[in-house]
C-alpha atoms as a PDB file:
ATOM      1  CA  MET A   1      23.992  77.613  23.366  1.00  0.00           C
ATOM      2  CA  GLU A   2      26.524  75.137  21.972  1.00  0.00           C
ATOM      3  CA  PHE A   3      25.243  72.281  24.194  1.00  0.00           C
ATOM      4  CA  PRO A   4      21.619  72.384  23.001  1.00  0.00           C
ATOM      5  CA  LEU A   5      22.811  72.604  19.366  1.00  0.00           C
ATOM      6  CA  THR A   6      25.029  69.566  19.811  1.00  0.00           C
ATOM      7  CA  LEU A   7      22.155  67.680  21.435  1.00  0.00           C
ATOM      8  CA  SER A   8      19.848  68.579  18.591  1.00  0.00           C
ATOM      9  CA  ILE A   9      22.335  67.362  16.018  1.00  0.00           C
ATOM     10  CA  ALA A  10      22.837  64.113  17.910  1.00  0.00           C
ATOM     11  CA  ALA A  11      19.075  63.574  18.139  1.00  0.00           C
ATOM     12  CA  PHE A  12      18.713  64.249  14.429  1.00  0.00           C
ATOM     13  CA  LEU A  13      21.428  61.751  13.639  1.00  0.00           C
ATOM     14  CA  VAL A  14      19.780  59.139  15.839  1.00  0.00           C
ATOM     15  CA  VAL A  15      16.476  59.662  14.048  1.00  0.00           C
ATOM     16  CA  VAL A  16      18.188  59.377  10.676  1.00  0.00           C
ATOM     17  CA  LEU A  17      19.894  56.145  11.766  1.00  0.00           C
ATOM     18  CA  LEU A  18      16.613  54.710  12.965  1.00  0.00           C
ATOM     19  CA  VAL A  19      14.921  55.583   9.705  1.00  0.00           C
ATOM     20  CA  LEU A  20      17.765  54.048   7.736  1.00  0.00           C
ATOM     21  CA  LEU A  21      17.624  50.935   9.912  1.00  0.00           C
ATOM     22  CA  TYR A  22      13.891  50.664   9.386  1.00  0.00           C
ATOM     23  CA  LEU A  23      14.311  51.016   5.645  1.00  0.00           C
ATOM     24  CA  SER A  24      17.155  48.528   5.473  1.00  0.00           C
ATOM     25  CA  VAL A  25      15.642  45.713   7.522  1.00  0.00           C
ATOM     26  CA  ARG A  26      12.878  43.536   6.078  1.00  0.00           C
ATOM     27  CA  ILE A  27      11.359  40.432   7.680  1.00  0.00           C
ATOM     28  CA  VAL A  28      10.105  37.836   5.216  1.00  0.00           C
ATOM     29  CA  GLN A  29       7.510  35.268   6.382  1.00  0.00           C
ATOM     30  CA  GLN A  30       7.846  31.531   5.812  1.00  0.00           C
ATOM     31  CA  TYR A  31       5.178  31.545   3.098  1.00  0.00           C
ATOM     32  CA  GLU A  32       6.728  34.518   1.247  1.00  0.00           C
ATOM     33  CA  LYS A  33       9.567  35.363  -1.118  1.00  0.00           C
ATOM     34  CA  MET A  34      11.034  38.843  -1.576  1.00  0.00           C
ATOM     35  CA  VAL A  35      12.293  40.116  -4.928  1.00  0.00           C
ATOM     36  CA  VAL A  36      14.703  43.034  -4.521  1.00  0.00           C
ATOM     37  CA  PHE A  37      15.088  45.652  -7.261  1.00  0.00           C
ATOM     38  CA  ARG A  38      18.416  47.484  -7.007  1.00  0.00           C
ATOM     39  CA  LEU A  39      18.349  50.683  -8.972  1.00  0.00           C
ATOM     40  CA  GLY A  40      15.479  49.201 -11.006  1.00  0.00           C
ATOM     41  CA  ARG A  41      17.229  45.946 -11.898  1.00  0.00           C
ATOM     42  CA  THR A  42      16.867  42.460 -10.495  1.00  0.00           C
ATOM     43  CA  ASP A  43      17.805  38.843 -11.173  1.00  0.00           C
ATOM     44  CA  ALA A  44      17.579  35.404  -9.546  1.00  0.00           C
ATOM     45  CA  SER A  45      20.248  36.316  -6.986  1.00  0.00           C
ATOM     46  CA  MET A  46      18.054  39.125  -5.695  1.00  0.00           C
ATOM     47  CA  VAL A  47      15.293  36.772  -4.578  1.00  0.00           C
ATOM     48  CA  ARG A  48      15.364  36.536  -0.771  1.00  0.00           C
ATOM     49  CA  GLY A  49      13.884  33.845   1.454  1.00  0.00           C
ATOM     50  CA  ALA A  50      12.229  33.817   4.881  1.00  0.00           C
ATOM     51  CA  GLY A  51      13.892  35.573   7.801  1.00  0.00           C
ATOM     52  CA  ILE A  52      15.624  38.948   8.351  1.00  0.00           C
ATOM     53  CA  ASN A  53      16.968  40.571   5.195  1.00  0.00           C
ATOM     54  CA  PHE A  54      19.011  43.764   4.979  1.00  0.00           C
ATOM     55  CA  LEU A  55      18.571  46.215   2.126  1.00  0.00           C
ATOM     56  CA  ILE A  56      20.371  49.317   0.990  1.00  0.00           C
ATOM     57  CA  PRO A  57      18.006  52.163   1.767  1.00  0.00           C
ATOM     58  CA  ILE A  58      16.762  54.216  -1.163  1.00  0.00           C
ATOM     59  CA  ILE A  59      18.724  52.016  -3.594  1.00  0.00           C
ATOM     60  CA  ASP A  60      16.850  48.739  -3.011  1.00  0.00           C
ATOM     61  CA  ARG A  61      13.098  48.340  -3.505  1.00  0.00           C
ATOM     62  CA  PRO A  62      11.567  45.078  -2.173  1.00  0.00           C
ATOM     63  CA  VAL A  63       8.518  43.291  -3.579  1.00  0.00           C
ATOM     64  CA  LYS A  64       7.022  40.484  -1.467  1.00  0.00           C
ATOM     65  CA  ILE A  65       5.338  37.539  -3.168  1.00  0.00           C
ATOM     66  CA  ASP A  66       2.858  35.278  -1.358  1.00  0.00           C
ATOM     67  CA  LEU A  67       3.522  31.628  -2.261  1.00  0.00           C
ATOM     68  CA  ARG A  68       0.387  30.199  -0.684  1.00  0.00           C
ATOM     69  CA  GLU A  69      -2.267  28.556  -2.848  1.00  0.00           C
ATOM     70  CA  THR A  70      -5.090  30.897  -3.686  1.00  0.00           C
ATOM     71  CA  LEU A  71      -8.524  30.696  -5.302  1.00  0.00           C
ATOM     72  CA  THR A  72      -9.939  32.480  -8.306  1.00  0.00           C
ATOM     73  CA  GLU A  73     -13.668  32.207  -8.874  1.00  0.00           C
ATOM     74  CA  VAL A  74     -14.651  32.310 -12.525  1.00  0.00           C
ATOM     75  CA  PRO A  75     -18.204  33.669 -12.801  1.00  0.00           C
ATOM     76  CA  SER A  76     -20.855  31.950 -14.890  1.00  0.00           C
ATOM     77  CA  GLN A  77     -19.838  31.792 -18.541  1.00  0.00           C
ATOM     78  CA  ARG A  78     -22.269  31.136 -21.397  1.00  0.00           C
ATOM     79  CA  THR A  79     -20.714  28.654 -23.809  1.00  0.00           C
ATOM     80  CA  ILE A  80     -21.817  26.581 -26.803  1.00  0.00           C
ATOM     81  CA  THR A  81     -21.242  22.822 -26.957  1.00  0.00           C
ATOM     82  CA  ARG A  82     -20.190  20.965 -30.081  1.00  0.00           C
ATOM     83  CA  ASP A  83     -23.835  20.082 -30.816  1.00  0.00           C
ATOM     84  CA  ASN A  84     -24.837  23.780 -30.544  1.00  0.00           C
ATOM     85  CA  ALA A  85     -26.445  23.593 -27.109  1.00  0.00           C
ATOM     86  CA  PRO A  86     -25.999  26.776 -25.041  1.00  0.00           C
ATOM     87  CA  ILE A  87     -25.041  26.155 -21.422  1.00  0.00           C
ATOM     88  CA  GLU A  88     -23.777  28.234 -18.527  1.00  0.00           C
ATOM     89  CA  VAL A  89     -20.760  27.055 -16.546  1.00  0.00           C
ATOM     90  CA  ASP A  90     -18.990  28.514 -13.540  1.00  0.00           C
ATOM     91  CA  PHE A  91     -15.895  26.994 -11.955  1.00  0.00           C
ATOM     92  CA  LEU A  92     -13.074  27.529  -9.489  1.00  0.00           C
ATOM     93  CA  VAL A  93      -9.343  27.719 -10.201  1.00  0.00           C
ATOM     94  CA  TYR A  94      -6.826  26.896  -7.467  1.00  0.00           C
ATOM     95  CA  TRP A  95      -3.349  28.181  -8.191  1.00  0.00           C
ATOM     96  CA  ARG A  96      -0.116  29.407  -6.594  1.00  0.00           C
ATOM     97  CA  ILE A  97       3.106  31.209  -7.482  1.00  0.00           C
ATOM     98  CA  ALA A  98       5.790  28.781  -8.586  1.00  0.00           C
ATOM     99  CA  ASP A  99       8.433  31.311  -9.790  1.00  0.00           C
ATOM    100  CA  PRO A 100       8.477  34.547  -7.757  1.00  0.00           C
ATOM    101  CA  LEU A 101      10.848  36.393 -10.088  1.00  0.00           C
ATOM    102  CA  THR A 102       8.835  35.585 -13.233  1.00  0.00           C
ATOM    103  CA  SER A 103       5.545  36.413 -11.494  1.00  0.00           C
ATOM    104  CA  VAL A 104       6.876  39.899 -10.765  1.00  0.00           C
ATOM    105  CA  LEU A 105       8.417  40.565 -14.170  1.00  0.00           C
ATOM    106  CA  ALA A 106       6.064  38.839 -16.652  1.00  0.00           C
ATOM    107  CA  PRO A 107       2.401  39.631 -15.788  1.00  0.00           C
ATOM    108  CA  GLN A 108       1.045  43.009 -14.805  1.00  0.00           C
ATOM    109  CA  ARG A 109      -2.098  41.831 -13.045  1.00  0.00           C
ATOM    110  CA  LEU A 110      -1.872  38.063 -12.658  1.00  0.00           C
ATOM    111  CA  ASP A 111      -5.342  37.648 -11.119  1.00  0.00           C
ATOM    112  CA  ASP A 112      -7.111  39.464 -13.943  1.00  0.00           C
ATOM    113  CA  MET A 113      -5.057  37.715 -16.599  1.00  0.00           C
ATOM    114  CA  LEU A 114      -5.807  34.323 -15.077  1.00  0.00           C
ATOM    115  CA  LEU A 115      -9.525  35.127 -14.983  1.00  0.00           C
ATOM    116  CA  GLY A 116      -9.536  36.116 -18.640  1.00  0.00           C
ATOM    117  CA  VAL A 117      -7.609  33.110 -19.888  1.00  0.00           C
ATOM    118  CA  ALA A 118      -9.795  30.796 -17.778  1.00  0.00           C
ATOM    119  CA  ALA A 119     -12.966  32.107 -19.451  1.00  0.00           C
ATOM    120  CA  THR A 120     -11.578  31.760 -22.975  1.00  0.00           C
ATOM    121  CA  THR A 121     -10.119  28.321 -22.248  1.00  0.00           C
ATOM    122  CA  LEU A 122     -13.486  27.156 -20.919  1.00  0.00           C
ATOM    123  CA  ARG A 123     -15.229  28.170 -24.135  1.00  0.00           C
ATOM    124  CA  ALA A 124     -12.613  26.401 -26.228  1.00  0.00           C
ATOM    125  CA  VAL A 125     -12.846  23.185 -24.218  1.00  0.00           C
ATOM    126  CA  ILE A 126     -16.662  23.069 -24.021  1.00  0.00           C
ATOM    127  CA  GLY A 127     -16.924  23.847 -27.746  1.00  0.00           C
ATOM    128  CA  ASP A 128     -15.206  20.533 -28.554  1.00  0.00           C
ATOM    129  CA  ILE A 129     -17.497  18.381 -26.379  1.00  0.00           C
ATOM    130  CA  PRO A 130     -21.170  17.402 -26.970  1.00  0.00           C
ATOM    131  CA  LEU A 131     -23.758  18.247 -24.343  1.00  0.00           C
ATOM    132  CA  ASP A 132     -24.154  14.718 -22.975  1.00  0.00           C
ATOM    133  CA  GLU A 133     -20.434  14.432 -22.267  1.00  0.00           C
ATOM    134  CA  VAL A 134     -20.347  17.884 -20.676  1.00  0.00           C
ATOM    135  CA  LEU A 135     -23.025  16.773 -18.225  1.00  0.00           C
ATOM    136  CA  SER A 136     -21.520  13.358 -17.503  1.00  0.00           C
ATOM    137  CA  LYS A 137     -17.736  13.877 -17.672  1.00  0.00           C
ATOM    138  CA  ARG A 138     -16.929  16.675 -15.282  1.00  0.00           C
ATOM    139  CA  GLU A 139     -13.737  15.078 -14.033  1.00  0.00           C
ATOM    140  CA  GLN A 140     -12.280  14.814 -17.528  1.00  0.00           C
ATOM    141  CA  ILE A 141     -13.249  18.423 -18.299  1.00  0.00           C
ATOM    142  CA  ASN A 142     -11.668  19.589 -15.033  1.00  0.00           C
ATOM    143  CA  GLU A 143      -8.410  17.879 -15.950  1.00  0.00           C
ATOM    144  CA  VAL A 144      -8.380  19.318 -19.477  1.00  0.00           C
ATOM    145  CA  LEU A 145      -8.997  22.815 -18.126  1.00  0.00           C
ATOM    146  CA  ARG A 146      -6.278  22.425 -15.517  1.00  0.00           C
ATOM    147  CA  THR A 147      -3.732  21.266 -18.105  1.00  0.00           C
ATOM    148  CA  LYS A 148      -4.473  24.079 -20.555  1.00  0.00           C
ATOM    149  CA  LEU A 149      -4.512  26.782 -17.872  1.00  0.00           C
ATOM    150  CA  ASP A 150      -1.276  25.487 -16.397  1.00  0.00           C
ATOM    151  CA  GLU A 151       0.401  25.675 -19.797  1.00  0.00           C
ATOM    152  CA  VAL A 152      -0.603  29.343 -20.124  1.00  0.00           C
ATOM    153  CA  THR A 153       0.156  30.478 -16.583  1.00  0.00           C
ATOM    154  CA  GLU A 154       3.542  28.736 -16.510  1.00  0.00           C
ATOM    155  CA  ARG A 155       5.070  31.616 -18.469  1.00  0.00           C
ATOM    156  CA  TRP A 156       3.736  33.988 -15.835  1.00  0.00           C
ATOM    157  CA  GLY A 157       5.356  32.111 -12.965  1.00  0.00           C
ATOM    158  CA  GLY A 158       2.074  30.578 -11.809  1.00  0.00           C
ATOM    159  CA  LYS A 159       1.031  26.976 -11.242  1.00  0.00           C
ATOM    160  CA  VAL A 160      -2.585  25.832 -11.604  1.00  0.00           C
ATOM    161  CA  THR A 161      -3.121  22.968  -9.167  1.00  0.00           C
ATOM    162  CA  THR A 162      -6.857  22.213  -9.416  1.00  0.00           C
ATOM    163  CA  VAL A 163      -9.886  23.185 -11.504  1.00  0.00           C
ATOM    164  CA  GLU A 164     -13.366  22.371 -10.214  1.00  0.00           C
ATOM    165  CA  ILE A 165     -16.551  22.947 -12.211  1.00  0.00           C
ATOM    166  CA  ARG A 166     -19.084  24.116  -9.672  1.00  0.00           C
ATOM    167  CA  GLU A 167     -22.286  24.242 -11.706  1.00  0.00           C
ATOM    168  CA  ILE A 168     -23.471  23.480 -15.224  1.00  0.00           C
ATOM    169  CA  THR A 169     -26.830  24.944 -16.222  1.00  0.00           C
ATOM    170  CA  PRO A 170     -28.287  23.519 -19.451  1.00  0.00           C
ATOM    171  CA  PRO A 171     -31.165  25.168 -21.371  1.00  0.00           C
ATOM    172  CA  ARG A 172     -34.704  24.934 -20.059  1.00  0.00           C
ATOM    173  CA  ASP A 173     -35.866  22.443 -22.686  1.00  0.00           C
ATOM    174  CA  VAL A 174     -32.845  20.254 -21.985  1.00  0.00           C
ATOM    175  CA  GLN A 175     -33.639  20.364 -18.263  1.00  0.00           C
ATOM    176  CA  ASP A 176     -37.236  19.317 -18.972  1.00  0.00           C
ATOM    177  CA  ALA A 177     -36.037  16.454 -21.167  1.00  0.00           C
ATOM    178  CA  MET A 178     -33.596  15.380 -18.475  1.00  0.00           C
ATOM    179  CA  ASN A 179     -36.363  15.449 -15.870  1.00  0.00           C
ATOM    180  CA  ARG A 180     -38.610  13.329 -18.102  1.00  0.00           C
ATOM    181  CA  GLN A 181     -35.774  10.921 -18.741  1.00  0.00           C
ATOM    182  CA  LEU A 182     -35.040  10.708 -15.028  1.00  0.00           C
ATOM    183  CA  SER A 183     -38.726  10.086 -14.277  1.00  0.00           C
ATOM    184  CA  ALA A 184     -38.891   7.379 -16.950  1.00  0.00           C
ATOM    185  CA  GLU A 185     -35.750   5.776 -15.594  1.00  0.00           C
ATOM    186  CA  ARG A 186     -37.183   5.745 -12.085  1.00  0.00           C
ATOM    187  CA  THR A 187     -40.429   4.245 -13.387  1.00  0.00           C
ATOM    188  CA  ARG A 188     -38.482   1.590 -15.265  1.00  0.00           C
ATOM    189  CA  ARG A 189     -36.482   0.723 -12.170  1.00  0.00           C
ATOM    190  CA  ALA A 190     -39.660   0.546 -10.101  1.00  0.00           C
ATOM    191  CA  VAL A 191     -41.306  -1.778 -12.635  1.00  0.00           C
ATOM    192  CA  ILE A 192     -38.205  -3.954 -12.772  1.00  0.00           C
ATOM    193  CA  THR A 193     -38.028  -4.063  -8.993  1.00  0.00           C
ATOM    194  CA  GLU A 194     -41.737  -4.917  -8.732  1.00  0.00           C
ATOM    195  CA  SER A 195     -41.502  -7.641 -11.388  1.00  0.00           C
ATOM    196  CA  GLU A 196     -38.405  -9.023  -9.737  1.00  0.00           C
ATOM    197  CA  GLY A 197     -40.260  -9.146  -6.439  1.00  0.00           C
ATOM    198  CA  THR A 198     -43.249 -10.838  -8.067  1.00  0.00           C
ATOM    199  CA  ARG A 199     -40.992 -13.363  -9.769  1.00  0.00           C
ATOM    200  CA  GLN A 200     -39.171 -14.077  -6.542  1.00  0.00           C
ATOM    201  CA  ALA A 201     -42.472 -14.451  -4.710  1.00  0.00           C
ATOM    202  CA  ALA A 202     -43.745 -16.872  -7.358  1.00  0.00           C
ATOM    203  CA  ILE A 203     -40.513 -18.831  -7.113  1.00  0.00           C
ATOM    204  CA  ASN A 204     -40.842 -18.946  -3.340  1.00  0.00           C
ATOM    205  CA  VAL A 205     -44.486 -20.073  -3.571  1.00  0.00           C
ATOM    206  CA  ALA A 206     -43.616 -22.744  -6.132  1.00  0.00           C
ATOM    207  CA  GLU A 207     -40.691 -23.869  -4.051  1.00  0.00           C
ATOM    208  CA  GLY A 208     -42.898 -24.027  -0.969  1.00  0.00           C
ATOM    209  CA  THR A 209     -45.561 -25.982  -2.886  1.00  0.00           C
ATOM    210  CA  LYS A 210     -42.953 -28.377  -4.197  1.00  0.00           C
ATOM    211  CA  GLN A 211     -41.514 -28.889  -0.735  1.00  0.00           C
ATOM    212  CA  GLY A 212     -45.041 -29.410   0.614  1.00  0.00           C
ATOM    213  CA  GLU A 213     -45.829 -31.988  -2.079  1.00  0.00           C
ATOM    214  CA  ILE A 214     -42.535 -33.729  -1.392  1.00  0.00           C
ATOM    215  CA  LEU A 215     -43.238 -33.797   2.322  1.00  0.00           C
ATOM    216  CA  LYS A 216     -46.818 -35.007   1.706  1.00  0.00           C
ATOM    217  CA  ALA A 217     -45.637 -37.755  -0.648  1.00  0.00           C
ATOM    218  CA  GLU A 218     -43.001 -38.749   1.861  1.00  0.00           C
ATOM    219  CA  GLY A 219     -45.659 -38.863   4.590  1.00  0.00           C
ATOM    220  CA  ASP A 220     -47.987 -40.941   2.407  1.00  0.00           C
ATOM    221  CA  ARG A 221     -45.140 -43.293   1.614  1.00  0.00           C
ATOM    222  CA  GLN A 222     -44.246 -43.655   5.255  1.00  0.00           C
ATOM    223  CA  ALA A 223     -47.919 -44.204   6.138  1.00  0.00           C
ATOM    224  CA  ALA A 224     -48.264 -46.849   3.395  1.00  0.00           C
ATOM    225  CA  ILE A 225     -45.131 -48.548   4.641  1.00  0.00           C
ATOM    226  CA  LEU A 226     -46.500 -48.524   8.189  1.00  0.00           C
ATOM    227  CA  ARG A 227     -49.901 -49.857   7.010  1.00  0.00           C
ATOM    228  CA  ALA A 228     -48.210 -52.564   4.988  1.00  0.00           C
ATOM    229  CA  GLN A 229     -46.057 -53.479   7.938  1.00  0.00           C
ATOM    230  CA  GLY A 230     -49.164 -53.592  10.188  1.00  0.00           C
ATOM    231  CA  PHE A 231     -51.097 -55.682   7.654  1.00  0.00           C
ATOM    232  CA  SER A 232     -48.144 -58.020   7.285  1.00  0.00           C
ATOM    233  CA  GLU A 233     -47.881 -58.392  11.032  1.00  0.00           C
ATOM    234  CA  ALA A 234     -51.658 -59.025  11.253  1.00  0.00           C
ATOM    235  CA  LEU A 235     -51.458 -61.670   8.514  1.00  0.00           C
ATOM    236  CA  GLN A 236     -48.553 -63.297  10.296  1.00  0.00           C
ATOM    237  CA  GLN A 237     -50.558 -63.367  13.529  1.00  0.00           C
ATOM    238  CA  ILE A 238     -53.612 -64.774  11.703  1.00  0.00           C
ATOM    239  CA  PHE A 239     -51.451 -67.321   9.982  1.00  0.00           C
ATOM    240  CA  SER A 240     -49.862 -68.300  13.278  1.00  0.00           C
ATOM    241  CA  ALA A 241     -53.300 -68.618  14.889  1.00  0.00           C
ATOM    242  CA  ALA A 242     -54.706 -70.488  11.876  1.00  0.00           C
ATOM    243  CA  LYS A 243     -51.979 -73.109  12.067  1.00  0.00           C
ATOM    244  CA  GLY A 244     -53.436 -74.303  15.451  1.00  0.00           C
ATOM    245  CA  ILE A 245     -57.045 -74.642  14.128  1.00  0.00           C
ATOM    246  CA  ASP A 246     -58.063 -78.147  12.937  1.00  0.00           C
ATOM    247  CA  GLN A 247     -60.995 -79.203  10.762  1.00  0.00           C
ATOM    248  CA  LYS A 248     -63.286 -79.877  13.683  1.00  0.00           C
ATOM    249  CA  THR A 249     -62.819 -76.422  15.063  1.00  0.00           C
ATOM    250  CA  MET A 250     -63.720 -74.924  11.695  1.00  0.00           C
ATOM    251  CA  ALA A 251     -66.783 -77.134  11.529  1.00  0.00           C
ATOM    252  CA  LEU A 252     -67.902 -75.958  14.941  1.00  0.00           C
ATOM    253  CA  GLN A 253     -67.463 -72.377  13.793  1.00  0.00           C
ATOM    254  CA  TYR A 254     -69.661 -73.085  10.764  1.00  0.00           C
ATOM    255  CA  LEU A 255     -72.277 -74.695  13.011  1.00  0.00           C
ATOM    256  CA  GLU A 256     -72.345 -71.604  15.146  1.00  0.00           C
ATOM    257  CA  ALA A 257     -72.821 -69.597  11.964  1.00  0.00           C
ATOM    258  CA  LEU A 258     -75.725 -71.902  10.997  1.00  0.00           C
ATOM    259  CA  LYS A 259     -77.351 -71.291  14.352  1.00  0.00           C
ATOM    260  CA  ALA A 260     -77.173 -67.548  13.712  1.00  0.00           C
ATOM    261  CA  LEU A 261     -78.614 -68.062  10.234  1.00  0.00           C
ATOM    262  CA  GLY A 262     -81.402 -70.170  11.619  1.00  0.00           C
ATOM    263  CA  ALA A 263     -82.419 -67.431  14.006  1.00  0.00           C
ATOM    264  CA  SER A 264     -82.694 -64.927  11.151  1.00  0.00           C
ATOM    265  CA  PRO A 265     -86.004 -64.428   9.253  1.00  0.00           C
ATOM    266  CA  SER A 266     -84.386 -65.119   5.864  1.00  0.00           C
ATOM    267  CA  THR A 267     -85.642 -68.059   3.827  1.00  0.00           C
ATOM    268  CA  LYS A 268     -82.735 -68.368   1.417  1.00  0.00           C
ATOM    269  CA  PHE A 269     -79.142 -69.020   2.397  1.00  0.00           C
ATOM    270  CA  VAL A 270     -75.962 -69.426   0.396  1.00  0.00           C
ATOM    271  CA  ILE A 271     -73.763 -72.117   1.880  1.00  0.00           C
ATOM    272  CA  PRO A 272     -70.213 -72.460   0.572  1.00  0.00           C
ATOM    273  CA  THR A 273     -69.164 -75.871  -0.704  1.00  0.00           C
ATOM    274  CA  GLU A 274     -66.364 -75.953   1.816  1.00  0.00           C
ATOM    275  CA  PHE A 275     -69.024 -76.214   4.507  1.00  0.00           C
ATOM    276  CA  THR A 276     -70.204 -79.592   3.172  1.00  0.00           C
ATOM    277  CA  ARG A 277     -66.667 -80.925   3.289  1.00  0.00           C
ATOM    278  CA  LEU A 278     -66.240 -79.664   6.827  1.00  0.00           C
ATOM    279  CA  ILE A 279     -69.487 -81.267   8.116  1.00  0.00           C
ATOM    280  CA  GLU A 280     -68.838 -84.637   6.427  1.00  0.00           C
ATOM    281  CA  PRO A 281     -67.400 -86.046   9.704  1.00  0.00           C
ATOM    282  CA  PHE A 282     -70.542 -84.958  11.515  1.00  0.00           C
ATOM    283  CA  THR A 283     -72.822 -86.449   8.845  1.00  0.00           C
ATOM    284  CA  GLY A 284     -70.894 -89.704   9.084  1.00  0.00           C
ATOM    285  CA  ILE A 285     -71.277 -89.762  12.832  1.00  0.00           C
ATOM    286  CA  LEU A 286     -74.948 -88.830  12.491  1.00  0.00           C
ATOM    287  CA  ALA A 287     -75.501 -91.609   9.902  1.00  0.00           C
ATOM    288  CA  ARG A 288     -73.839 -94.243  12.095  1.00  0.00           C
ATOM    289  CA  GLY A 289     -75.946 -93.110  15.055  1.00  0.00           C
ATOM    290  CA  MET A 290     -79.161 -93.350  13.055  1.00  0.00           C
ATOM    291  CA  GLY A 291     -78.161 -96.822  11.761  1.00  0.00           C
ATOM    292  CA  ALA A 292     -77.571 -98.055  15.285  1.00  0.00           C
ATOM    293  CA  ASP A 293     -80.946 -96.790  16.346  1.00  0.00           C
ATOM    294  CA  GLU A 294     -82.683 -98.599  13.480  1.00  0.00           C
ATOM    295  CA  GLY A 295     -80.872-101.897  14.203  1.00  0.00           C
ATOM    296  CA  GLY A 296     -81.881-101.851  17.845  1.00  0.00           C
ATOM    297  CA  GLY A 297     -85.516-101.172  16.976  1.00  0.00           C
ATOM    298  CA  GLY A 298     -85.753-104.252  14.703  1.00  0.00           C
ATOM    299  CA  SER A 299     -84.742-106.635  17.426  1.00  0.00           C
ATOM    300  CA  ARG A 300     -87.439-105.480  19.745  1.00  0.00           C
ATOM    301  CA  PRO A 301     -90.538-107.770  20.090  1.00  0.00           C
END
């Protein structure tokens, strides 16, 4: 009877030791911090890092904090711009825990508190900006929201890293006006593009015409030069040939012309005065021949 009792006590003690070991050993991941409360109190020295950590069972109570960046989605919020235009905005907040001890002690529900302060901060920021700037300056609004949210969450041990506005929905009439403005802008760009194309085409046509006229004028000039050169060469050849022609040759040419005139049916002829000078040698010869004939006839019996 004593042996089974001793075995039971030993087994009980082993179980108790295992339970105590389980309660005293905590493994902290690389992306975590562990804040240990000892008898309900804690301080900076009770913040443990990654690895195996030993606790005093029952006395120590651990709280693990995830240090990884997380996302909080702020649902669509209806806000009023500085020029009294109602719009709906929804955005995303990226944040992480920067101080594990403060994040455990200061806020009760950090996610809910961050969501609430993000909504109120959005209304305050949008209320100071006119509608046109809200629609065109998202990056500046994102930075302003990030700065203001970071200032608030710093006392809770959080760190806001990025704020991204996901969608801005203006009123229906503003959307219609924007659509009309966009359509007018597209029409204006199309007209400008068309006129620019027409102007460029006219410039190209004028440039082509000018080049054609220049080429034509250059061709005419070259042709005139060639004709002048040909005429000059012809005159030189005529002049060279004319230098070998004497007065008798010219007279013979005129006589040939007279033969052609005599064969024609015309009754009136225009004879240049130069012709009379050219045929003077022939008339002299003819006169001397006729005088010789008359002298010979007088001596006949």
